[in-house]
Amino acid sequence: MRLLKLIPDHTSIDFVGVRFYAFGIDGLLVLVSLLSLLFNGLNYGIDFTGGVLLEVKSAQTINIGAMRGQIDKLGFAEAQLQYFGGGECETPANSCVLIRVQPQKNSGSDQIVVNTIRNALGSGYAFRRTEVVGPKVSDELKTDGIIATIAAVIMIGIYVAVRFEWQFGLSAIVATGHDVFVTAGLFSMLHLDFTLTSVAALLTLAGYSVNDTVVVFDRIRENRRRYKRMPLRELINLSTNNTLSRTVLTSGATAISIIPLLLFGGPTLFDFTAAILFGIVVGTFSSIYVAAALLIYLPQVAGREEPVTAPGGAAPRSR
């Protein structure tokens, strides 16, 4: 049985030769993201700005679209609705909804906001839980989210440095940090809600991005042992071509699984899946064209530039 092959087994693409174009594209993405973050900022959601959370249950299946229309008429700055399940919410299905609202400054006390929502929805709902996210808590969540993201990128770099060499760790920090930063810029440019779920998306992308990068780095290390005097540029090209099929197929399969969630997951999942899909594309690009190419400019690794010699005087061939 013949397997479908999107990428030939033996490619000889000069990835290092086009690195300046790749650096230019990445530099442009970083610049646009930086300008957007500076001038537009992030559209922080209720998690980071404070608000009121209500958990409601109905004796029948809830039409979340109709409920969202009722809540939107109240004129809150932001309202988020999503189904949740478990326990009593399993019967009937979709009978529980979590409502998050960000009141206007002139909306009055939090209890007034809760009563306003109760009156708008009517007596057909049981309000099982009511919580208020104050500005102090939201600021702490924002700070902790930023620290968690930065710490994740740094720890990834430390892991790669220990697993390989410090040059690889530094390259991994730059490439992974670039992917996370550019994806955060996407939230700013498209005015997507930036919530704790968005932080989870960024952390997911950091792990996904470094996974592809480590595969390329591992092949570079393997080929360094095999071809001890091969110049670094040829070594990077050889290793990247060796792993190209795996990288493209893995990223493609992941993207295919995300696209249905993006198209049919509704507004609750749209921001998360859009960030993941964009991050997969950017992360794959940086793993192929940027992460390994950065090794050329690092001190000790660059010192491997030596003439090619192989047994019998022939240049080593890609496998």
C-alpha atoms as a PDB file:
ATOM      1  CA  MET A   1       0.000   0.000   0.000  1.00  0.00           C
ATOM      2  CA  ARG A   2       1.392   3.389  -1.006  1.00  0.00           C
ATOM      3  CA  LEU A   3       1.243   6.198   1.528  1.00  0.00           C
ATOM      4  CA  LEU A   4       0.259   9.747   0.646  1.00  0.00           C
ATOM      5  CA  LYS A   5       3.360  11.933   0.562  1.00  0.00           C
ATOM      6  CA  LEU A   6       2.912  15.693   0.576  1.00  0.00           C
ATOM      7  CA  ILE A   7       6.667  16.257   0.866  1.00  0.00           C
ATOM      8  CA  PRO A   8       9.245  14.148  -1.054  1.00  0.00           C
ATOM      9  CA  ASP A   9      11.605  12.037   1.003  1.00  0.00           C
ATOM     10  CA  HIS A  10      14.782  13.693  -0.250  1.00  0.00           C
ATOM     11  CA  THR A  11      14.436  17.461  -0.513  1.00  0.00           C
ATOM     12  CA  SER A  12      17.364  19.826  -0.957  1.00  0.00           C
ATOM     13  CA  ILE A  13      15.864  23.243  -0.195  1.00  0.00           C
ATOM     14  CA  ASP A  14      18.358  25.971   0.694  1.00  0.00           C
ATOM     15  CA  PHE A  15      16.670  27.243   3.862  1.00  0.00           C
ATOM     16  CA  VAL A  16      19.768  29.065   5.063  1.00  0.00           C
ATOM     17  CA  GLY A  17      20.119  30.846   1.718  1.00  0.00           C
ATOM     18  CA  VAL A  18      16.728  32.537   2.104  1.00  0.00           C
ATOM     19  CA  ARG A  19      17.112  33.296   5.801  1.00  0.00           C
ATOM     20  CA  PHE A  20      17.241  37.052   5.230  1.00  0.00           C
ATOM     21  CA  TYR A  21      13.812  36.958   3.592  1.00  0.00           C
ATOM     22  CA  ALA A  22      12.528  34.923   6.541  1.00  0.00           C
ATOM     23  CA  PHE A  23      14.105  37.343   9.009  1.00  0.00           C
ATOM     24  CA  GLY A  24      12.497  40.211   7.107  1.00  0.00           C
ATOM     25  CA  ILE A  25       9.025  38.634   7.282  1.00  0.00           C
ATOM     26  CA  ASP A  26       9.420  37.871  10.973  1.00  0.00           C
ATOM     27  CA  GLY A  27      10.798  41.344  11.634  1.00  0.00           C
ATOM     28  CA  LEU A  28       7.790  42.898   9.910  1.00  0.00           C
ATOM     29  CA  LEU A  29       5.394  40.779  11.983  1.00  0.00           C
ATOM     30  CA  VAL A  30       7.170  41.795  15.183  1.00  0.00           C
ATOM     31  CA  LEU A  31       7.138  45.480  14.176  1.00  0.00           C
ATOM     32  CA  VAL A  32       3.413  45.464  13.325  1.00  0.00           C
ATOM     33  CA  SER A  33       2.638  43.613  16.572  1.00  0.00           C
ATOM     34  CA  LEU A  34       4.746  46.026  18.611  1.00  0.00           C
ATOM     35  CA  LEU A  35       3.082  49.107  17.085  1.00  0.00           C
ATOM     36  CA  SER A  36      -0.371  47.625  17.592  1.00  0.00           C
ATOM     37  CA  LEU A  37       0.351  46.764  21.216  1.00  0.00           C
ATOM     38  CA  LEU A  38       1.781  50.234  21.859  1.00  0.00           C
ATOM     39  CA  PHE A  39      -1.052  52.202  20.244  1.00  0.00           C
ATOM     40  CA  ASN A  40      -4.056  49.869  20.507  1.00  0.00           C
ATOM     41  CA  GLY A  41      -3.108  47.773  23.510  1.00  0.00           C
ATOM     42  CA  LEU A  42      -4.987  44.588  24.336  1.00  0.00           C
ATOM     43  CA  ASN A  43      -8.741  44.314  24.585  1.00  0.00           C
ATOM     44  CA  TYR A  44      -8.763  42.866  28.095  1.00  0.00           C
ATOM     45  CA  GLY A  45     -11.742  40.718  28.995  1.00  0.00           C
ATOM     46  CA  ILE A  46     -13.616  40.504  32.258  1.00  0.00           C
ATOM     47  CA  ASP A  47     -10.920  38.301  33.813  1.00  0.00           C
ATOM     48  CA  PHE A  48      -8.486  41.229  33.664  1.00  0.00           C
ATOM     49  CA  THR A  49     -10.857  44.195  34.066  1.00  0.00           C
ATOM     50  CA  GLY A  50     -13.269  42.949  36.721  1.00  0.00           C
ATOM     51  CA  GLY A  51     -16.967  42.158  36.428  1.00  0.00           C
ATOM     52  CA  VAL A  52     -19.849  39.983  37.564  1.00  0.00           C
ATOM     53  CA  LEU A  53     -20.176  36.230  37.025  1.00  0.00           C
ATOM     54  CA  LEU A  54     -23.514  34.412  37.237  1.00  0.00           C
ATOM     55  CA  GLU A  55     -24.282  30.718  36.883  1.00  0.00           C
ATOM     56  CA  VAL A  56     -27.869  30.076  35.773  1.00  0.00           C
ATOM     57  CA  LYS A  57     -29.859  26.891  35.191  1.00  0.00           C
ATOM     58  CA  SER A  58     -33.097  26.236  33.396  1.00  0.00           C
ATOM     59  CA  ALA A  59     -35.488  23.286  33.535  1.00  0.00           C
ATOM     60  CA  GLN A  60     -35.166  23.022  29.757  1.00  0.00           C
ATOM     61  CA  THR A  61     -32.488  23.458  27.106  1.00  0.00           C
ATOM     62  CA  ILE A  62     -31.324  27.073  26.917  1.00  0.00           C
ATOM     63  CA  ASN A  63     -31.130  28.902  23.592  1.00  0.00           C
ATOM     64  CA  ILE A  64     -27.860  30.700  24.251  1.00  0.00           C
ATOM     65  CA  GLY A  65     -28.280  32.932  21.197  1.00  0.00           C
ATOM     66  CA  ALA A  66     -31.614  34.275  22.446  1.00  0.00           C
ATOM     67  CA  MET A  67     -30.192  34.713  25.949  1.00  0.00           C
ATOM     68  CA  ARG A  68     -27.208  36.628  24.563  1.00  0.00           C
ATOM     69  CA  GLY A  69     -29.636  38.975  22.797  1.00  0.00           C
ATOM     70  CA  GLN A  70     -31.446  39.646  26.084  1.00  0.00           C
ATOM     71  CA  ILE A  71     -28.180  40.396  27.898  1.00  0.00           C
ATOM     72  CA  ASP A  72     -26.828  42.609  25.102  1.00  0.00           C
ATOM     73  CA  LYS A  73     -29.922  44.837  25.323  1.00  0.00           C
ATOM     74  CA  LEU A  74     -28.899  45.783  28.875  1.00  0.00           C
ATOM     75  CA  GLY A  75     -25.962  47.783  27.510  1.00  0.00           C
ATOM     76  CA  PHE A  76     -23.072  46.240  29.433  1.00  0.00           C
ATOM     77  CA  ALA A  77     -19.556  47.033  28.227  1.00  0.00           C
ATOM     78  CA  GLU A  78     -18.914  43.350  27.672  1.00  0.00           C
ATOM     79  CA  ALA A  79     -20.922  40.153  28.067  1.00  0.00           C
ATOM     80  CA  GLN A  80     -19.730  36.563  27.650  1.00  0.00           C
ATOM     81  CA  LEU A  81     -22.026  33.526  27.707  1.00  0.00           C
ATOM     82  CA  GLN A  82     -21.086  29.871  27.488  1.00  0.00           C
ATOM     83  CA  TYR A  83     -22.629  26.495  28.214  1.00  0.00           C
ATOM     84  CA  PHE A  84     -21.182  24.333  30.943  1.00  0.00           C
ATOM     85  CA  GLY A  85     -22.057  20.851  32.090  1.00  0.00           C
ATOM     86  CA  GLY A  86     -21.642  18.336  34.845  1.00  0.00           C
ATOM     87  CA  GLY A  87     -23.908  17.239  37.667  1.00  0.00           C
ATOM     88  CA  GLU A  88     -27.434  18.621  37.457  1.00  0.00           C
ATOM     89  CA  CYS A  89     -26.587  20.368  34.183  1.00  0.00           C
ATOM     90  CA  GLU A  90     -26.435  17.079  32.302  1.00  0.00           C
ATOM     91  CA  THR A  91     -30.234  16.753  32.267  1.00  0.00           C
ATOM     92  CA  PRO A  92     -31.434  18.224  30.061  1.00  0.00           C
ATOM     93  CA  ALA A  93     -28.401  18.988  27.903  1.00  0.00           C
ATOM     94  CA  ASN A  94     -27.276  22.633  27.620  1.00  0.00           C
ATOM     95  CA  SER A  95     -29.466  23.691  30.521  1.00  0.00           C
ATOM     96  CA  CYS A  96     -26.756  25.657  32.355  1.00  0.00           C
ATOM     97  CA  VAL A  97     -25.067  28.844  31.185  1.00  0.00           C
ATOM     98  CA  LEU A  98     -22.221  30.860  32.670  1.00  0.00           C
ATOM     99  CA  ILE A  99     -22.723  34.607  32.225  1.00  0.00           C
ATOM    100  CA  ARG A 100     -19.878  37.113  32.621  1.00  0.00           C
ATOM    101  CA  VAL A 101     -20.663  40.814  32.329  1.00  0.00           C
ATOM    102  CA  GLN A 102     -18.533  43.913  32.668  1.00  0.00           C
ATOM    103  CA  PRO A 103     -20.763  46.707  34.013  1.00  0.00           C
ATOM    104  CA  GLN A 104     -20.517  50.302  32.864  1.00  0.00           C
ATOM    105  CA  LYS A 105     -19.050  52.742  35.381  1.00  0.00           C
ATOM    106  CA  ASN A 106     -22.486  54.241  35.987  1.00  0.00           C
ATOM    107  CA  SER A 107     -24.269  50.892  36.358  1.00  0.00           C
ATOM    108  CA  GLY A 108     -24.426  51.122  40.133  1.00  0.00           C
ATOM    109  CA  SER A 109     -23.448  48.438  42.641  1.00  0.00           C
ATOM    110  CA  ASP A 110     -22.804  44.828  41.714  1.00  0.00           C
ATOM    111  CA  GLN A 111     -26.082  43.779  43.325  1.00  0.00           C
ATOM    112  CA  ILE A 112     -27.952  46.189  41.057  1.00  0.00           C
ATOM    113  CA  VAL A 113     -26.250  44.571  38.070  1.00  0.00           C
ATOM    114  CA  VAL A 114     -27.287  41.095  39.267  1.00  0.00           C
ATOM    115  CA  ASN A 115     -30.881  42.225  39.810  1.00  0.00           C
ATOM    116  CA  THR A 116     -30.958  43.825  36.349  1.00  0.00           C
ATOM    117  CA  ILE A 117     -29.942  40.524  34.756  1.00  0.00           C
ATOM    118  CA  ARG A 118     -32.462  38.598  36.880  1.00  0.00           C
ATOM    119  CA  ASN A 119     -35.278  40.870  35.764  1.00  0.00           C
ATOM    120  CA  ALA A 120     -34.217  40.672  32.120  1.00  0.00           C
ATOM    121  CA  LEU A 121     -34.134  36.865  32.073  1.00  0.00           C
ATOM    122  CA  GLY A 122     -37.323  36.367  34.088  1.00  0.00           C
ATOM    123  CA  SER A 123     -38.318  33.754  36.630  1.00  0.00           C
ATOM    124  CA  GLY A 124     -37.610  30.729  34.453  1.00  0.00           C
ATOM    125  CA  TYR A 125     -33.993  30.509  35.588  1.00  0.00           C
ATOM    126  CA  ALA A 126     -32.367  29.475  38.840  1.00  0.00           C
ATOM    127  CA  PHE A 127     -29.334  31.583  39.763  1.00  0.00           C
ATOM    128  CA  ARG A 128     -27.043  29.017  41.327  1.00  0.00           C
ATOM    129  CA  ARG A 129     -23.938  31.134  41.831  1.00  0.00           C
ATOM    130  CA  THR A 130     -22.996  34.800  41.754  1.00  0.00           C
ATOM    131  CA  GLU A 131     -19.430  36.095  41.987  1.00  0.00           C
ATOM    132  CA  VAL A 132     -17.786  39.476  41.600  1.00  0.00           C
ATOM    133  CA  VAL A 133     -14.284  39.875  40.150  1.00  0.00           C
ATOM    134  CA  GLY A 134     -12.934  43.079  41.651  1.00  0.00           C
ATOM    135  CA  PRO A 135     -10.257  45.333  40.129  1.00  0.00           C
ATOM    136  CA  LYS A 136      -7.597  44.136  42.590  1.00  0.00           C
ATOM    137  CA  VAL A 137      -8.140  40.483  41.727  1.00  0.00           C
ATOM    138  CA  SER A 138      -8.263  41.238  37.998  1.00  0.00           C
ATOM    139  CA  ASP A 139      -4.964  43.151  38.200  1.00  0.00           C
ATOM    140  CA  GLU A 140      -3.374  40.202  39.989  1.00  0.00           C
ATOM    141  CA  LEU A 141      -4.662  37.832  37.292  1.00  0.00           C
ATOM    142  CA  LYS A 142      -3.247  40.094  34.589  1.00  0.00           C
ATOM    143  CA  THR A 143       0.157  40.262  36.267  1.00  0.00           C
ATOM    144  CA  ASP A 144       0.252  36.537  36.932  1.00  0.00           C
ATOM    145  CA  GLY A 145      -0.730  35.785  33.328  1.00  0.00           C
ATOM    146  CA  ILE A 146       2.104  37.925  31.946  1.00  0.00           C
ATOM    147  CA  ILE A 147       4.626  36.426  34.374  1.00  0.00           C
ATOM    148  CA  ALA A 148       3.482  32.883  33.531  1.00  0.00           C
ATOM    149  CA  THR A 149       3.919  33.486  29.793  1.00  0.00           C
ATOM    150  CA  ILE A 150       7.384  35.021  30.122  1.00  0.00           C
ATOM    151  CA  ALA A 151       8.496  32.359  32.595  1.00  0.00           C
ATOM    152  CA  ALA A 152       7.304  29.601  30.242  1.00  0.00           C
ATOM    153  CA  VAL A 153       9.397  30.958  27.366  1.00  0.00           C
ATOM    154  CA  ILE A 154      12.487  31.322  29.583  1.00  0.00           C
ATOM    155  CA  MET A 155      12.103  27.839  31.085  1.00  0.00           C
ATOM    156  CA  ILE A 156      11.723  26.379  27.594  1.00  0.00           C
ATOM    157  CA  GLY A 157      15.010  28.035  26.620  1.00  0.00           C
ATOM    158  CA  ILE A 158      16.728  26.704  29.748  1.00  0.00           C
ATOM    159  CA  TYR A 159      15.479  23.191  29.025  1.00  0.00           C
ATOM    160  CA  VAL A 160      16.760  23.329  25.444  1.00  0.00           C
ATOM    161  CA  ALA A 161      20.097  24.733  26.645  1.00  0.00           C
ATOM    162  CA  VAL A 162      20.502  21.864  29.108  1.00  0.00           C
ATOM    163  CA  ARG A 163      19.294  19.278  26.614  1.00  0.00           C
ATOM    164  CA  PHE A 164      21.547  20.532  23.811  1.00  0.00           C
ATOM    165  CA  GLU A 165      23.895  23.540  24.168  1.00  0.00           C
ATOM    166  CA  TRP A 166      23.426  27.118  25.327  1.00  0.00           C
ATOM    167  CA  GLN A 167      23.361  28.384  21.737  1.00  0.00           C
ATOM    168  CA  PHE A 168      20.343  26.185  21.022  1.00  0.00           C
ATOM    169  CA  GLY A 169      18.636  27.438  24.169  1.00  0.00           C
ATOM    170  CA  LEU A 170      19.129  31.079  23.197  1.00  0.00           C
ATOM    171  CA  SER A 171      17.824  30.402  19.708  1.00  0.00           C
ATOM    172  CA  ALA A 172      14.782  28.607  21.162  1.00  0.00           C
ATOM    173  CA  ILE A 173      14.003  31.582  23.440  1.00  0.00           C
ATOM    174  CA  VAL A 174      14.145  33.999  20.504  1.00  0.00           C
ATOM    175  CA  ALA A 175      12.030  31.820  18.205  1.00  0.00           C
ATOM    176  CA  THR A 176       9.447  30.838  20.831  1.00  0.00           C
ATOM    177  CA  GLY A 177       9.248  34.352  22.259  1.00  0.00           C
ATOM    178  CA  HIS A 178       8.714  35.662  18.737  1.00  0.00           C
ATOM    179  CA  ASP A 179       5.800  33.264  18.165  1.00  0.00           C
ATOM    180  CA  VAL A 180       4.121  34.202  21.455  1.00  0.00           C
ATOM    181  CA  PHE A 181       4.653  37.936  20.948  1.00  0.00           C
ATOM    182  CA  VAL A 182       3.318  37.952  17.392  1.00  0.00           C
ATOM    183  CA  THR A 183       0.251  35.963  18.465  1.00  0.00           C
ATOM    184  CA  ALA A 184      -0.366  38.483  21.257  1.00  0.00           C
ATOM    185  CA  GLY A 185      -0.116  41.140  18.557  1.00  0.00           C
ATOM    186  CA  LEU A 186      -2.896  39.336  16.668  1.00  0.00           C
ATOM    187  CA  PHE A 187      -5.206  39.850  19.657  1.00  0.00           C
ATOM    188  CA  SER A 188      -4.368  43.549  19.576  1.00  0.00           C
ATOM    189  CA  MET A 189      -4.738  44.034  15.819  1.00  0.00           C
ATOM    190  CA  LEU A 190      -8.088  42.210  15.591  1.00  0.00           C
ATOM    191  CA  HIS A 191      -9.372  43.561  18.943  1.00  0.00           C
ATOM    192  CA  LEU A 192     -10.010  40.033  20.184  1.00  0.00           C
ATOM    193  CA  ASP A 193     -10.883  39.632  23.850  1.00  0.00           C
ATOM    194  CA  PHE A 194      -7.748  38.897  25.853  1.00  0.00           C
ATOM    195  CA  THR A 195      -8.690  36.685  28.797  1.00  0.00           C
ATOM    196  CA  LEU A 196      -7.220  33.864  30.850  1.00  0.00           C
ATOM    197  CA  THR A 197      -8.196  31.582  27.964  1.00  0.00           C
ATOM    198  CA  SER A 198      -5.971  33.698  25.717  1.00  0.00           C
ATOM    199  CA  VAL A 199      -3.070  33.209  28.126  1.00  0.00           C
ATOM    200  CA  ALA A 200      -3.719  29.461  27.910  1.00  0.00           C
ATOM    201  CA  ALA A 201      -3.568  29.756  24.105  1.00  0.00           C
ATOM    202  CA  LEU A 202      -0.195  31.540  24.275  1.00  0.00           C
ATOM    203  CA  LEU A 203       1.216  28.913  26.642  1.00  0.00           C
ATOM    204  CA  THR A 204      -0.073  26.158  24.359  1.00  0.00           C
ATOM    205  CA  LEU A 205       1.643  27.801  21.396  1.00  0.00           C
ATOM    206  CA  ALA A 206       4.912  28.113  23.294  1.00  0.00           C
ATOM    207  CA  GLY A 207       4.919  24.365  23.897  1.00  0.00           C
ATOM    208  CA  TYR A 208       3.875  23.560  20.342  1.00  0.00           C
ATOM    209  CA  SER A 209       6.472  25.865  18.796  1.00  0.00           C
ATOM    210  CA  VAL A 210       9.382  24.506  20.790  1.00  0.00           C
ATOM    211  CA  ASN A 211       8.317  20.942  19.964  1.00  0.00           C
ATOM    212  CA  ASP A 212       8.937  21.559  16.260  1.00  0.00           C
ATOM    213  CA  THR A 213      12.137  23.439  17.018  1.00  0.00           C
ATOM    214  CA  VAL A 214      13.532  20.651  19.199  1.00  0.00           C
ATOM    215  CA  VAL A 215      12.956  18.114  16.410  1.00  0.00           C
ATOM    216  CA  VAL A 216      15.128  20.169  14.059  1.00  0.00           C
ATOM    217  CA  PHE A 217      17.756  20.743  16.764  1.00  0.00           C
ATOM    218  CA  ASP A 218      17.902  17.031  17.554  1.00  0.00           C
ATOM    219  CA  ARG A 219      18.534  16.209  13.903  1.00  0.00           C
ATOM    220  CA  ILE A 220      21.267  18.881  13.775  1.00  0.00           C
ATOM    221  CA  ARG A 221      22.964  17.257  16.759  1.00  0.00           C
ATOM    222  CA  GLU A 222      22.661  13.827  15.180  1.00  0.00           C
ATOM    223  CA  ASN A 223      24.136  15.027  11.885  1.00  0.00           C
ATOM    224  CA  ARG A 224      26.970  16.846  13.685  1.00  0.00           C
ATOM    225  CA  ARG A 225      28.087  13.505  15.072  1.00  0.00           C
ATOM    226  CA  ARG A 226      27.769  11.863  11.660  1.00  0.00           C
ATOM    227  CA  TYR A 227      29.463  14.622   9.624  1.00  0.00           C
ATOM    228  CA  LYS A 228      31.933  16.106  12.067  1.00  0.00           C
ATOM    229  CA  ARG A 229      33.471  18.602   9.645  1.00  0.00           C
ATOM    230  CA  MET A 230      30.442  19.620   7.615  1.00  0.00           C
ATOM    231  CA  PRO A 231      29.995  23.434   7.551  1.00  0.00           C
ATOM    232  CA  LEU A 232      27.199  24.648   9.790  1.00  0.00           C
ATOM    233  CA  ARG A 233      25.139  26.123   6.947  1.00  0.00           C
ATOM    234  CA  GLU A 234      25.089  22.811   5.077  1.00  0.00           C
ATOM    235  CA  LEU A 235      24.393  20.984   8.326  1.00  0.00           C
ATOM    236  CA  ILE A 236      21.337  23.180   9.024  1.00  0.00           C
ATOM    237  CA  ASN A 237      20.016  22.708   5.487  1.00  0.00           C
ATOM    238  CA  LEU A 238      20.525  18.956   5.660  1.00  0.00           C
ATOM    239  CA  SER A 239      18.835  18.636   9.061  1.00  0.00           C
ATOM    240  CA  THR A 240      15.899  20.882   8.169  1.00  0.00           C
ATOM    241  CA  ASN A 241      15.295  18.967   4.945  1.00  0.00           C
ATOM    242  CA  ASN A 242      15.466  15.680   6.870  1.00  0.00           C
ATOM    243  CA  THR A 243      12.667  16.808   9.216  1.00  0.00           C
ATOM    244  CA  LEU A 244      10.631  18.843   6.713  1.00  0.00           C
ATOM    245  CA  SER A 245       8.052  16.144   5.968  1.00  0.00           C
ATOM    246  CA  ARG A 246       7.446  15.463   9.661  1.00  0.00           C
ATOM    247  CA  THR A 247       7.123  19.175  10.463  1.00  0.00           C
ATOM    248  CA  VAL A 248       4.683  19.953   7.656  1.00  0.00           C
ATOM    249  CA  LEU A 249       2.516  16.874   8.228  1.00  0.00           C
ATOM    250  CA  THR A 250       2.324  17.438  11.988  1.00  0.00           C
ATOM    251  CA  SER A 251       1.414  21.112  11.601  1.00  0.00           C
ATOM    252  CA  GLY A 252      -1.082  20.335   8.852  1.00  0.00           C
ATOM    253  CA  ALA A 253      -2.810  17.639  10.902  1.00  0.00           C
ATOM    254  CA  THR A 254      -3.045  19.968  13.904  1.00  0.00           C
ATOM    255  CA  ALA A 255      -4.418  22.803  11.782  1.00  0.00           C
ATOM    256  CA  ILE A 256      -7.042  20.515  10.234  1.00  0.00           C
ATOM    257  CA  SER A 257      -8.290  19.598  13.710  1.00  0.00           C
ATOM    258  CA  ILE A 258      -8.481  23.278  14.732  1.00  0.00           C
ATOM    259  CA  ILE A 259     -10.320  24.624  11.656  1.00  0.00           C
ATOM    260  CA  PRO A 260     -13.713  22.990  12.494  1.00  0.00           C
ATOM    261  CA  LEU A 261     -13.554  24.532  15.983  1.00  0.00           C
ATOM    262  CA  LEU A 262     -12.796  27.903  14.423  1.00  0.00           C
ATOM    263  CA  LEU A 263     -15.699  27.686  11.969  1.00  0.00           C
ATOM    264  CA  PHE A 264     -18.337  25.972  14.104  1.00  0.00           C
ATOM    265  CA  GLY A 265     -17.206  26.480  17.710  1.00  0.00           C
ATOM    266  CA  GLY A 266     -19.120  29.724  18.077  1.00  0.00           C
ATOM    267  CA  PRO A 267     -17.976  33.024  19.609  1.00  0.00           C
ATOM    268  CA  THR A 268     -16.851  31.373  22.840  1.00  0.00           C
ATOM    269  CA  LEU A 269     -14.100  29.359  21.113  1.00  0.00           C
ATOM    270  CA  PHE A 270     -13.344  31.699  18.209  1.00  0.00           C
ATOM    271  CA  ASP A 271     -10.646  33.806  19.874  1.00  0.00           C
ATOM    272  CA  PHE A 272      -8.871  30.757  21.303  1.00  0.00           C
ATOM    273  CA  THR A 273      -8.908  28.728  18.084  1.00  0.00           C
ATOM    274  CA  ALA A 274      -7.958  31.735  15.918  1.00  0.00           C
ATOM    275  CA  ALA A 275      -4.890  32.309  18.083  1.00  0.00           C
ATOM    276  CA  ILE A 276      -3.939  28.619  18.005  1.00  0.00           C
ATOM    277  CA  LEU A 277      -4.318  28.384  14.209  1.00  0.00           C
ATOM    278  CA  PHE A 278      -2.318  31.576  13.614  1.00  0.00           C
ATOM    279  CA  GLY A 279       0.340  30.413  16.073  1.00  0.00           C
ATOM    280  CA  ILE A 280       0.675  27.050  14.299  1.00  0.00           C
ATOM    281  CA  VAL A 281       1.417  28.814  11.006  1.00  0.00           C
ATOM    282  CA  VAL A 282       3.874  31.283  12.547  1.00  0.00           C
ATOM    283  CA  GLY A 283       5.482  28.630  14.766  1.00  0.00           C
ATOM    284  CA  THR A 284       6.018  26.239  11.863  1.00  0.00           C
ATOM    285  CA  PHE A 285       7.555  29.030   9.783  1.00  0.00           C
ATOM    286  CA  SER A 286       9.939  30.062  12.571  1.00  0.00           C
ATOM    287  CA  SER A 287      10.929  26.445  13.299  1.00  0.00           C
ATOM    288  CA  ILE A 288      11.850  25.843   9.655  1.00  0.00           C
ATOM    289  CA  TYR A 289      13.403  29.152   8.653  1.00  0.00           C
ATOM    290  CA  VAL A 290      14.429  31.049  11.781  1.00  0.00           C
ATOM    291  CA  ALA A 291      15.307  28.954  14.846  1.00  0.00           C
ATOM    292  CA  ALA A 292      18.120  26.923  13.279  1.00  0.00           C
ATOM    293  CA  ALA A 293      19.371  29.779  11.087  1.00  0.00           C
ATOM    294  CA  LEU A 294      20.010  31.878  14.210  1.00  0.00           C
ATOM    295  CA  LEU A 295      22.721  29.387  15.202  1.00  0.00           C
ATOM    296  CA  ILE A 296      24.911  30.767  12.412  1.00  0.00           C
ATOM    297  CA  TYR A 297      25.326  34.040  14.325  1.00  0.00           C
ATOM    298  CA  LEU A 298      26.148  32.549  17.722  1.00  0.00           C
ATOM    299  CA  PRO A 299      29.835  32.373  18.705  1.00  0.00           C
ATOM    300  CA  GLN A 300      30.870  28.767  19.252  1.00  0.00           C
ATOM    301  CA  VAL A 301      28.466  27.208  16.792  1.00  0.00           C
ATOM    302  CA  ALA A 302      29.638  29.584  14.073  1.00  0.00           C
ATOM    303  CA  GLY A 303      33.158  28.264  14.665  1.00  0.00           C
ATOM    304  CA  ARG A 304      32.188  25.006  12.951  1.00  0.00           C
ATOM    305  CA  GLU A 305      32.583  26.585   9.510  1.00  0.00           C
ATOM    306  CA  GLU A 306      35.177  24.223   8.077  1.00  0.00           C
ATOM    307  CA  PRO A 307      35.752  22.678   4.656  1.00  0.00           C
ATOM    308  CA  VAL A 308      33.600  19.681   3.871  1.00  0.00           C
ATOM    309  CA  THR A 309      35.429  16.383   4.066  1.00  0.00           C
ATOM    310  CA  ALA A 310      33.896  12.955   4.041  1.00  0.00           C
ATOM    311  CA  PRO A 311      35.253   9.421   3.671  1.00  0.00           C
ATOM    312  CA  GLY A 312      36.606   8.979   0.164  1.00  0.00           C
ATOM    313  CA  GLY A 313      36.800  12.720  -0.420  1.00  0.00           C
ATOM    314  CA  ALA A 314      33.135  12.975  -1.407  1.00  0.00           C
ATOM    315  CA  ALA A 315      30.715  15.421   0.116  1.00  0.00           C
ATOM    316  CA  PRO A 316      28.149  13.773   2.376  1.00  0.00           C
ATOM    317  CA  ARG A 317      24.720  13.297   0.844  1.00  0.00           C
ATOM    318  CA  SER A 318      21.345  13.985   2.406  1.00  0.00           C
ATOM    319  CA  ARG A 319      19.500  11.012   3.763  1.00  0.00           C
END
